[in-house]
Amino acid sequence: MDARDATVSIVADIPEELHGALQDYLESHPDWDQDRVFAAALSLFLLQNGDSDHRASRVYLDTLFRHPAEERAG
């Protein structure tokens, strides 16, 4: 595993309504999981609102265009 593949675990409290919406989304989009959704959402937030750099862009694009076959092969 190189540094680009390293992950950090976080714990976040979210409103129950948002959790319900997330669960509904995940049930109807089996290629996505909670970690992928959070990575996409956080990287997009940083791109739109923060002083982000190429790292947030790379994570956002990698997250959106990742395919389950690529995950299993890696």
N, C-alpha and C. Protein backbone atom coordinates (compact mmCIF):
# COMPACT_ATOMS: atom_id res chain seq x y z
N MET A 1 0.85 -1.18 0.00
CA MET A 1 0.00 0.00 0.00
C MET A 1 0.89 1.24 0.00
N ASP A 2 0.69 2.13 -0.98
CA ASP A 2 1.47 3.37 -0.96
C ASP A 2 0.70 4.46 -0.22
N ALA A 3 1.31 5.61 -0.05
CA ALA A 3 0.71 6.70 0.73
C ALA A 3 -0.62 7.16 0.16
N ARG A 4 -0.80 7.03 -1.16
CA ARG A 4 -2.06 7.46 -1.77
C ARG A 4 -3.23 6.58 -1.34
N ASP A 5 -2.95 5.36 -0.93
CA ASP A 5 -4.01 4.43 -0.54
C ASP A 5 -4.28 4.44 0.96
N ALA A 6 -3.50 5.18 1.72
CA ALA A 6 -3.66 5.20 3.17
C ALA A 6 -4.99 5.84 3.54
N THR A 7 -5.61 5.33 4.59
CA THR A 7 -6.86 5.89 5.07
C THR A 7 -6.76 6.18 6.55
N VAL A 8 -7.63 7.06 7.01
CA VAL A 8 -7.74 7.42 8.41
C VAL A 8 -9.20 7.24 8.80
N SER A 9 -9.43 6.61 9.91
CA SER A 9 -10.79 6.38 10.38
C SER A 9 -11.26 7.58 11.20
N ILE A 10 -12.50 8.03 10.96
CA ILE A 10 -13.08 9.12 11.74
C ILE A 10 -14.45 8.70 12.24
N VAL A 11 -14.88 9.33 13.30
CA VAL A 11 -16.22 9.12 13.84
C VAL A 11 -16.93 10.46 13.76
N ALA A 12 -18.14 10.45 13.22
CA ALA A 12 -18.90 11.69 13.09
C ALA A 12 -20.35 11.45 13.46
N ASP A 13 -20.92 12.38 14.19
CA ASP A 13 -22.34 12.35 14.50
C ASP A 13 -23.07 13.10 13.41
N ILE A 14 -24.10 12.46 12.85
CA ILE A 14 -24.91 13.11 11.83
C ILE A 14 -26.37 13.03 12.24
N PRO A 15 -27.19 13.95 11.75
CA PRO A 15 -28.62 13.89 12.08
C PRO A 15 -29.25 12.58 11.61
N GLU A 16 -30.20 12.09 12.38
CA GLU A 16 -30.87 10.83 12.06
C GLU A 16 -31.51 10.87 10.67
N GLU A 17 -32.07 12.01 10.29
CA GLU A 17 -32.70 12.15 8.98
C GLU A 17 -31.67 11.96 7.86
N LEU A 18 -30.49 12.50 8.06
CA LEU A 18 -29.43 12.35 7.07
C LEU A 18 -28.97 10.89 6.99
N HIS A 19 -28.89 10.25 8.13
CA HIS A 19 -28.52 8.84 8.15
C HIS A 19 -29.55 8.00 7.39
N GLY A 20 -30.82 8.30 7.59
CA GLY A 20 -31.87 7.58 6.86
C GLY A 20 -31.75 7.78 5.36
N ALA A 21 -31.48 9.01 4.95
CA ALA A 21 -31.31 9.29 3.52
C ALA A 21 -30.09 8.55 2.97
N LEU A 22 -29.03 8.51 3.75
CA LEU A 22 -27.83 7.78 3.33
C LEU A 22 -28.14 6.29 3.17
N GLN A 23 -28.84 5.70 4.13
CA GLN A 23 -29.18 4.29 4.04
C GLN A 23 -30.04 4.00 2.81
N ASP A 24 -31.00 4.88 2.53
CA ASP A 24 -31.83 4.72 1.33
C ASP A 24 -30.98 4.75 0.07
N TYR A 25 -30.04 5.70 0.02
CA TYR A 25 -29.16 5.82 -1.14
C TYR A 25 -28.32 4.55 -1.32
N LEU A 26 -27.74 4.09 -0.23
CA LEU A 26 -26.88 2.91 -0.31
C LEU A 26 -27.65 1.66 -0.73
N GLU A 27 -28.89 1.55 -0.29
CA GLU A 27 -29.70 0.39 -0.68
C GLU A 27 -30.00 0.39 -2.18
N SER A 28 -30.12 1.58 -2.77
CA SER A 28 -30.44 1.66 -4.19
C SER A 28 -29.20 1.82 -5.08
N HIS A 29 -28.02 1.93 -4.48
CA HIS A 29 -26.77 2.06 -5.23
C HIS A 29 -25.73 1.10 -4.64
N PRO A 30 -25.81 -0.17 -5.01
CA PRO A 30 -24.94 -1.18 -4.39
C PRO A 30 -23.45 -1.00 -4.67
N ASP A 31 -23.07 -0.20 -5.66
CA ASP A 31 -21.65 0.04 -5.94
C ASP A 31 -21.03 1.02 -4.94
N TRP A 32 -21.86 1.67 -4.15
CA TRP A 32 -21.39 2.65 -3.18
C TRP A 32 -21.46 2.07 -1.78
N ASP A 33 -20.57 2.54 -0.90
CA ASP A 33 -20.65 2.22 0.52
C ASP A 33 -20.50 3.51 1.31
N GLN A 34 -20.69 3.43 2.60
CA GLN A 34 -20.66 4.63 3.45
C GLN A 34 -19.32 5.35 3.34
N ASP A 35 -18.23 4.63 3.33
CA ASP A 35 -16.91 5.27 3.25
C ASP A 35 -16.73 6.03 1.94
N ARG A 36 -17.20 5.43 0.85
CA ARG A 36 -17.08 6.09 -0.45
C ARG A 36 -17.92 7.36 -0.50
N VAL A 37 -19.13 7.32 0.06
CA VAL A 37 -20.01 8.50 0.08
C VAL A 37 -19.37 9.62 0.90
N PHE A 38 -18.84 9.27 2.09
CA PHE A 38 -18.23 10.30 2.93
C PHE A 38 -16.99 10.90 2.27
N ALA A 39 -16.17 10.07 1.62
CA ALA A 39 -14.99 10.59 0.94
C ALA A 39 -15.38 11.54 -0.19
N ALA A 40 -16.40 11.17 -0.96
CA ALA A 40 -16.85 12.03 -2.05
C ALA A 40 -17.43 13.34 -1.50
N ALA A 41 -18.24 13.24 -0.46
CA ALA A 41 -18.87 14.44 0.09
C ALA A 41 -17.85 15.38 0.71
N LEU A 42 -16.93 14.84 1.49
CA LEU A 42 -15.93 15.69 2.14
C LEU A 42 -14.99 16.33 1.13
N SER A 43 -14.54 15.56 0.15
CA SER A 43 -13.64 16.15 -0.84
C SER A 43 -14.35 17.20 -1.68
N LEU A 44 -15.62 17.00 -2.02
CA LEU A 44 -16.36 18.01 -2.76
C LEU A 44 -16.54 19.27 -1.92
N PHE A 45 -16.86 19.10 -0.63
CA PHE A 45 -17.00 20.25 0.26
C PHE A 45 -15.70 21.06 0.28
N LEU A 46 -14.57 20.39 0.42
CA LEU A 46 -13.29 21.09 0.45
C LEU A 46 -13.00 21.80 -0.86
N LEU A 47 -13.34 21.17 -1.97
CA LEU A 47 -13.14 21.81 -3.27
C LEU A 47 -13.98 23.07 -3.41
N GLN A 48 -15.21 23.02 -2.91
CA GLN A 48 -16.12 24.15 -3.07
C GLN A 48 -15.91 25.25 -2.03
N ASN A 49 -15.43 24.89 -0.84
CA ASN A 49 -15.42 25.85 0.26
C ASN A 49 -14.08 26.08 0.93
N GLY A 50 -13.14 25.26 0.66
CA GLY A 50 -11.88 25.36 1.39
C GLY A 50 -10.75 25.84 0.51
N ASP A 51 -9.61 25.92 1.16
CA ASP A 51 -8.39 26.24 0.43
C ASP A 51 -7.73 24.92 0.07
N SER A 52 -8.44 24.15 -0.74
CA SER A 52 -7.98 22.80 -1.05
C SER A 52 -6.93 22.83 -2.16
N ASP A 53 -6.25 21.73 -2.29
CA ASP A 53 -5.25 21.60 -3.34
C ASP A 53 -5.58 20.37 -4.18
N HIS A 54 -4.62 19.92 -4.95
CA HIS A 54 -4.84 18.80 -5.86
C HIS A 54 -5.24 17.52 -5.14
N ARG A 55 -4.90 17.38 -3.86
CA ARG A 55 -5.24 16.14 -3.14
C ARG A 55 -6.74 15.96 -3.05
N ALA A 56 -7.48 17.02 -2.72
CA ALA A 56 -8.94 16.91 -2.63
C ALA A 56 -9.53 16.61 -4.01
N SER A 57 -8.99 17.22 -5.04
CA SER A 57 -9.47 16.95 -6.40
C SER A 57 -9.25 15.50 -6.78
N ARG A 58 -8.08 14.97 -6.47
CA ARG A 58 -7.76 13.59 -6.80
C ARG A 58 -8.67 12.63 -6.06
N VAL A 59 -8.88 12.87 -4.76
CA VAL A 59 -9.76 11.98 -3.99
C VAL A 59 -11.18 12.04 -4.53
N TYR A 60 -11.66 13.24 -4.84
CA TYR A 60 -13.02 13.38 -5.36
C TYR A 60 -13.19 12.60 -6.66
N LEU A 61 -12.29 12.80 -7.59
CA LEU A 61 -12.40 12.13 -8.88
C LEU A 61 -12.20 10.63 -8.76
N ASP A 62 -11.22 10.21 -7.95
CA ASP A 62 -11.01 8.78 -7.75
C ASP A 62 -12.23 8.13 -7.13
N THR A 63 -12.87 8.82 -6.19
CA THR A 63 -14.04 8.28 -5.51
C THR A 63 -15.23 8.16 -6.46
N LEU A 64 -15.45 9.18 -7.28
CA LEU A 64 -16.58 9.15 -8.20
C LEU A 64 -16.44 8.08 -9.27
N PHE A 65 -15.23 7.89 -9.75
CA PHE A 65 -15.04 7.01 -10.90
C PHE A 65 -14.46 5.66 -10.55
N ARG A 66 -14.43 5.31 -9.28
CA ARG A 66 -13.96 4.00 -8.84
C ARG A 66 -15.03 2.98 -9.18
N HIS A 67 -14.60 1.83 -9.61
CA HIS A 67 -15.52 0.75 -9.96
C HIS A 67 -15.26 -0.44 -9.05
N PRO A 68 -16.30 -1.20 -8.70
CA PRO A 68 -16.13 -2.36 -7.81
C PRO A 68 -15.08 -3.36 -8.30
N ALA A 69 -14.96 -3.56 -9.60
CA ALA A 69 -13.97 -4.49 -10.13
C ALA A 69 -12.56 -4.02 -9.82
N GLU A 70 -12.34 -2.71 -9.85
CA GLU A 70 -11.02 -2.15 -9.52
C GLU A 70 -10.70 -2.39 -8.05
N GLU A 71 -11.69 -2.30 -7.17
CA GLU A 71 -11.48 -2.50 -5.75
C GLU A 71 -11.10 -3.95 -5.47
N ARG A 72 -11.77 -4.89 -6.11
CA ARG A 72 -11.48 -6.29 -5.89
C ARG A 72 -10.10 -6.66 -6.44
N ALA A 73 -9.71 -6.04 -7.57
CA ALA A 73 -8.42 -6.34 -8.18
C ALA A 73 -7.27 -5.79 -7.35
N GLY A 74 -7.53 -4.67 -6.60
CA GLY A 74 -6.48 -4.01 -5.83
C GLY A 74 -6.25 -4.71 -4.61
